[in-house]
């Protein structure tokens, strides 16, 4: 996703095994979907690396020095394309857990509603 017109994902690393069965889907992705994905995303540097004996994964390196790793073992080529697109569309921020169920700038004077309220 772009932030102020700048794409946040700068590098996508595609790691696979040329022998293992769990890498079958990512090898199919590299043959069928990856050339079109590279052509549609010229701002993105795509690197493939061969890791024999390891499960395949996609690693996204972002402008803010964060990285996300997605395991794609035993996935179909279309699912691998969806994961790569998700990495491209995300901003690379760390996921933070919200402390409450809702976030508001104007909290209720009466308090938050719960199912334990008795009338």
C-alpha atoms as a PDB file:
ATOM      1  CA  UNK A   1       0.000   0.000   0.000  1.00  0.00           C
ATOM      2  CA  UNK A   2       1.257   3.441  -0.676  1.00  0.00           C
ATOM      3  CA  UNK A   3       1.666   5.980   2.056  1.00  0.00           C
ATOM      4  CA  UNK A   4       1.714   9.536   0.653  1.00  0.00           C
ATOM      5  CA  UNK A   5       2.227   8.085  -2.832  1.00  0.00           C
ATOM      6  CA  UNK A   6       5.210   5.903  -1.875  1.00  0.00           C
ATOM      7  CA  UNK A   7       4.889   2.117  -1.937  1.00  0.00           C
ATOM      8  CA  UNK A   8       5.983   0.716   1.421  1.00  0.00           C
ATOM      9  CA  UNK A   9       7.132  -2.735   0.249  1.00  0.00           C
ATOM     10  CA  UNK A  10      10.536  -2.328  -1.338  1.00  0.00           C
ATOM     11  CA  UNK A  11      11.738  -5.946  -1.626  1.00  0.00           C
ATOM     12  CA  UNK A  12      10.025  -9.323  -1.841  1.00  0.00           C
ATOM     13  CA  UNK A  13      12.139 -12.418  -1.205  1.00  0.00           C
ATOM     14  CA  UNK A  14      10.754 -15.699  -2.566  1.00  0.00           C
ATOM     15  CA  UNK A  15      12.455 -18.653  -0.875  1.00  0.00           C
ATOM     16  CA  UNK A  16      11.780 -22.196  -2.111  1.00  0.00           C
ATOM     17  CA  UNK A  17      13.172 -25.705  -2.467  1.00  0.00           C
ATOM     18  CA  UNK A  18      13.553 -27.186  -5.949  1.00  0.00           C
ATOM     19  CA  UNK A  19      13.059 -30.730  -4.650  1.00  0.00           C
ATOM     20  CA  UNK A  20      10.559 -30.688  -1.764  1.00  0.00           C
ATOM     21  CA  UNK A  21       6.869 -31.401  -2.170  1.00  0.00           C
ATOM     22  CA  UNK A  22       5.813 -28.510   0.067  1.00  0.00           C
ATOM     23  CA  UNK A  23       7.338 -26.097  -2.485  1.00  0.00           C
ATOM     24  CA  UNK A  24       5.224 -27.373  -5.387  1.00  0.00           C
ATOM     25  CA  UNK A  25       2.805 -24.455  -5.162  1.00  0.00           C
ATOM     26  CA  UNK A  26       5.473 -21.770  -5.025  1.00  0.00           C
ATOM     27  CA  UNK A  27       7.290 -23.321  -7.989  1.00  0.00           C
ATOM     28  CA  UNK A  28       4.010 -23.159  -9.930  1.00  0.00           C
ATOM     29  CA  UNK A  29       3.617 -19.533  -8.812  1.00  0.00           C
ATOM     30  CA  UNK A  30       7.098 -18.732 -10.108  1.00  0.00           C
ATOM     31  CA  UNK A  31       6.316 -20.267 -13.502  1.00  0.00           C
ATOM     32  CA  UNK A  32       2.827 -18.906 -14.080  1.00  0.00           C
ATOM     33  CA  UNK A  33       2.012 -15.874 -11.908  1.00  0.00           C
ATOM     34  CA  UNK A  34       5.345 -14.320 -10.955  1.00  0.00           C
ATOM     35  CA  UNK A  35       6.319 -12.796 -14.349  1.00  0.00           C
ATOM     36  CA  UNK A  36       2.995 -10.965 -14.508  1.00  0.00           C
ATOM     37  CA  UNK A  37       3.298  -9.934 -10.835  1.00  0.00           C
ATOM     38  CA  UNK A  38       6.755  -8.442 -11.510  1.00  0.00           C
ATOM     39  CA  UNK A  39       5.490  -6.678 -14.626  1.00  0.00           C
ATOM     40  CA  UNK A  40       2.540  -5.150 -12.740  1.00  0.00           C
ATOM     41  CA  UNK A  41       4.773  -3.982  -9.842  1.00  0.00           C
ATOM     42  CA  UNK A  42       7.854  -2.248 -11.296  1.00  0.00           C
ATOM     43  CA  UNK A  43       8.521  -0.440  -7.989  1.00  0.00           C
ATOM     44  CA  UNK A  44       9.141  -3.787  -6.299  1.00  0.00           C
ATOM     45  CA  UNK A  45      12.420  -5.697  -6.247  1.00  0.00           C
ATOM     46  CA  UNK A  46      11.701  -9.437  -6.356  1.00  0.00           C
ATOM     47  CA  UNK A  47      14.504 -11.818  -5.375  1.00  0.00           C
ATOM     48  CA  UNK A  48      14.341 -15.616  -5.490  1.00  0.00           C
ATOM     49  CA  UNK A  49      16.558 -17.741  -3.312  1.00  0.00           C
ATOM     50  CA  UNK A  50      16.971 -21.486  -3.318  1.00  0.00           C
ATOM     51  CA  UNK A  51      16.933 -23.091   0.151  1.00  0.00           C
ATOM     52  CA  UNK A  52      17.128 -26.840  -0.258  1.00  0.00           C
ATOM     53  CA  UNK A  53      15.426 -28.881   2.417  1.00  0.00           C
ATOM     54  CA  UNK A  54      13.423 -25.997   3.939  1.00  0.00           C
ATOM     55  CA  UNK A  55       9.775 -25.032   3.631  1.00  0.00           C
ATOM     56  CA  UNK A  56       9.005 -22.151   1.260  1.00  0.00           C
ATOM     57  CA  UNK A  57       8.226 -18.652   2.490  1.00  0.00           C
ATOM     58  CA  UNK A  58       7.731 -15.103   1.278  1.00  0.00           C
ATOM     59  CA  UNK A  59       9.571 -12.316   3.062  1.00  0.00           C
ATOM     60  CA  UNK A  60       8.587  -8.688   2.624  1.00  0.00           C
ATOM     61  CA  UNK A  61      11.079  -5.938   3.458  1.00  0.00           C
ATOM     62  CA  UNK A  62       9.497  -2.519   4.007  1.00  0.00           C
ATOM     63  CA  UNK A  63      10.648   1.109   3.903  1.00  0.00           C
ATOM     64  CA  UNK A  64      10.384   1.432   7.698  1.00  0.00           C
ATOM     65  CA  UNK A  65      12.981  -1.379   8.203  1.00  0.00           C
ATOM     66  CA  UNK A  66      10.341  -3.920   9.260  1.00  0.00           C
ATOM     67  CA  UNK A  67       9.947  -7.320   7.663  1.00  0.00           C
ATOM     68  CA  UNK A  68       7.117  -9.815   7.446  1.00  0.00           C
ATOM     69  CA  UNK A  69       7.553 -13.498   6.750  1.00  0.00           C
ATOM     70  CA  UNK A  70       4.683 -15.645   5.449  1.00  0.00           C
ATOM     71  CA  UNK A  71       4.984 -19.428   5.264  1.00  0.00           C
ATOM     72  CA  UNK A  72       3.497 -20.747   2.019  1.00  0.00           C
ATOM     73  CA  UNK A  73       4.095 -24.477   2.382  1.00  0.00           C
ATOM     74  CA  UNK A  74       1.587 -26.735   0.588  1.00  0.00           C
ATOM     75  CA  UNK A  75      -0.297 -23.740  -0.890  1.00  0.00           C
ATOM     76  CA  UNK A  76      -1.658 -23.549  -4.422  1.00  0.00           C
ATOM     77  CA  UNK A  77      -0.067 -21.020  -6.823  1.00  0.00           C
ATOM     78  CA  UNK A  78      -3.174 -18.800  -6.594  1.00  0.00           C
ATOM     79  CA  UNK A  79      -2.891 -18.730  -2.784  1.00  0.00           C
ATOM     80  CA  UNK A  80       0.796 -17.798  -3.026  1.00  0.00           C
ATOM     81  CA  UNK A  81      -0.167 -14.939  -5.374  1.00  0.00           C
ATOM     82  CA  UNK A  82      -2.738 -13.787  -2.821  1.00  0.00           C
ATOM     83  CA  UNK A  83      -0.092 -13.823  -0.052  1.00  0.00           C
ATOM     84  CA  UNK A  84       2.343 -11.842  -2.212  1.00  0.00           C
ATOM     85  CA  UNK A  85      -0.394  -9.319  -3.006  1.00  0.00           C
ATOM     86  CA  UNK A  86      -1.227  -9.014   0.699  1.00  0.00           C
ATOM     87  CA  UNK A  87       2.416  -8.324   1.509  1.00  0.00           C
ATOM     88  CA  UNK A  88       2.523  -5.700  -1.234  1.00  0.00           C
ATOM     89  CA  UNK A  89      -0.658  -4.009   0.029  1.00  0.00           C
ATOM     90  CA  UNK A  90       0.298  -3.903   3.713  1.00  0.00           C
ATOM     91  CA  UNK A  91       2.216  -1.015   5.234  1.00  0.00           C
ATOM     92  CA  UNK A  92       4.695  -3.071   7.250  1.00  0.00           C
ATOM     93  CA  UNK A  93       3.636  -1.746  10.614  1.00  0.00           C
ATOM     94  CA  UNK A  94       3.822  -3.963  13.657  1.00  0.00           C
ATOM     95  CA  UNK A  95       0.501  -5.372  14.816  1.00  0.00           C
ATOM     96  CA  UNK A  96      -0.512  -3.847  18.131  1.00  0.00           C
ATOM     97  CA  UNK A  97      -3.117  -5.318  20.409  1.00  0.00           C
ATOM     98  CA  UNK A  98      -5.928  -3.019  21.472  1.00  0.00           C
ATOM     99  CA  UNK A  99      -6.597  -2.948  25.191  1.00  0.00           C
ATOM    100  CA  UNK A 100     -10.333  -2.361  24.839  1.00  0.00           C
ATOM    101  CA  UNK A 101     -12.907  -3.625  22.391  1.00  0.00           C
ATOM    102  CA  UNK A 102     -13.621  -0.155  21.060  1.00  0.00           C
ATOM    103  CA  UNK A 103     -11.560   2.950  20.527  1.00  0.00           C
ATOM    104  CA  UNK A 104     -13.179   6.369  20.764  1.00  0.00           C
ATOM    105  CA  UNK A 105     -12.115   9.948  21.326  1.00  0.00           C
ATOM    106  CA  UNK A 106     -15.259  10.720  23.335  1.00  0.00           C
ATOM    107  CA  UNK A 107     -15.822   7.968  25.906  1.00  0.00           C
ATOM    108  CA  UNK A 108     -19.306   7.580  27.327  1.00  0.00           C
ATOM    109  CA  UNK A 109     -20.069   9.370  30.589  1.00  0.00           C
ATOM    110  CA  UNK A 110     -22.227   6.436  31.679  1.00  0.00           C
ATOM    111  CA  UNK A 111     -19.528   3.858  30.991  1.00  0.00           C
ATOM    112  CA  UNK A 112     -19.286   1.154  28.359  1.00  0.00           C
ATOM    113  CA  UNK A 113     -22.206  -1.169  27.797  1.00  0.00           C
ATOM    114  CA  UNK A 114     -21.747  -4.805  28.757  1.00  0.00           C
ATOM    115  CA  UNK A 115     -24.041  -7.817  28.846  1.00  0.00           C
ATOM    116  CA  UNK A 116     -23.804  -7.885  32.640  1.00  0.00           C
ATOM    117  CA  UNK A 117     -25.926  -4.696  32.983  1.00  0.00           C
ATOM    118  CA  UNK A 118     -29.171  -5.375  34.829  1.00  0.00           C
ATOM    119  CA  UNK A 119     -32.243  -3.244  34.277  1.00  0.00           C
END
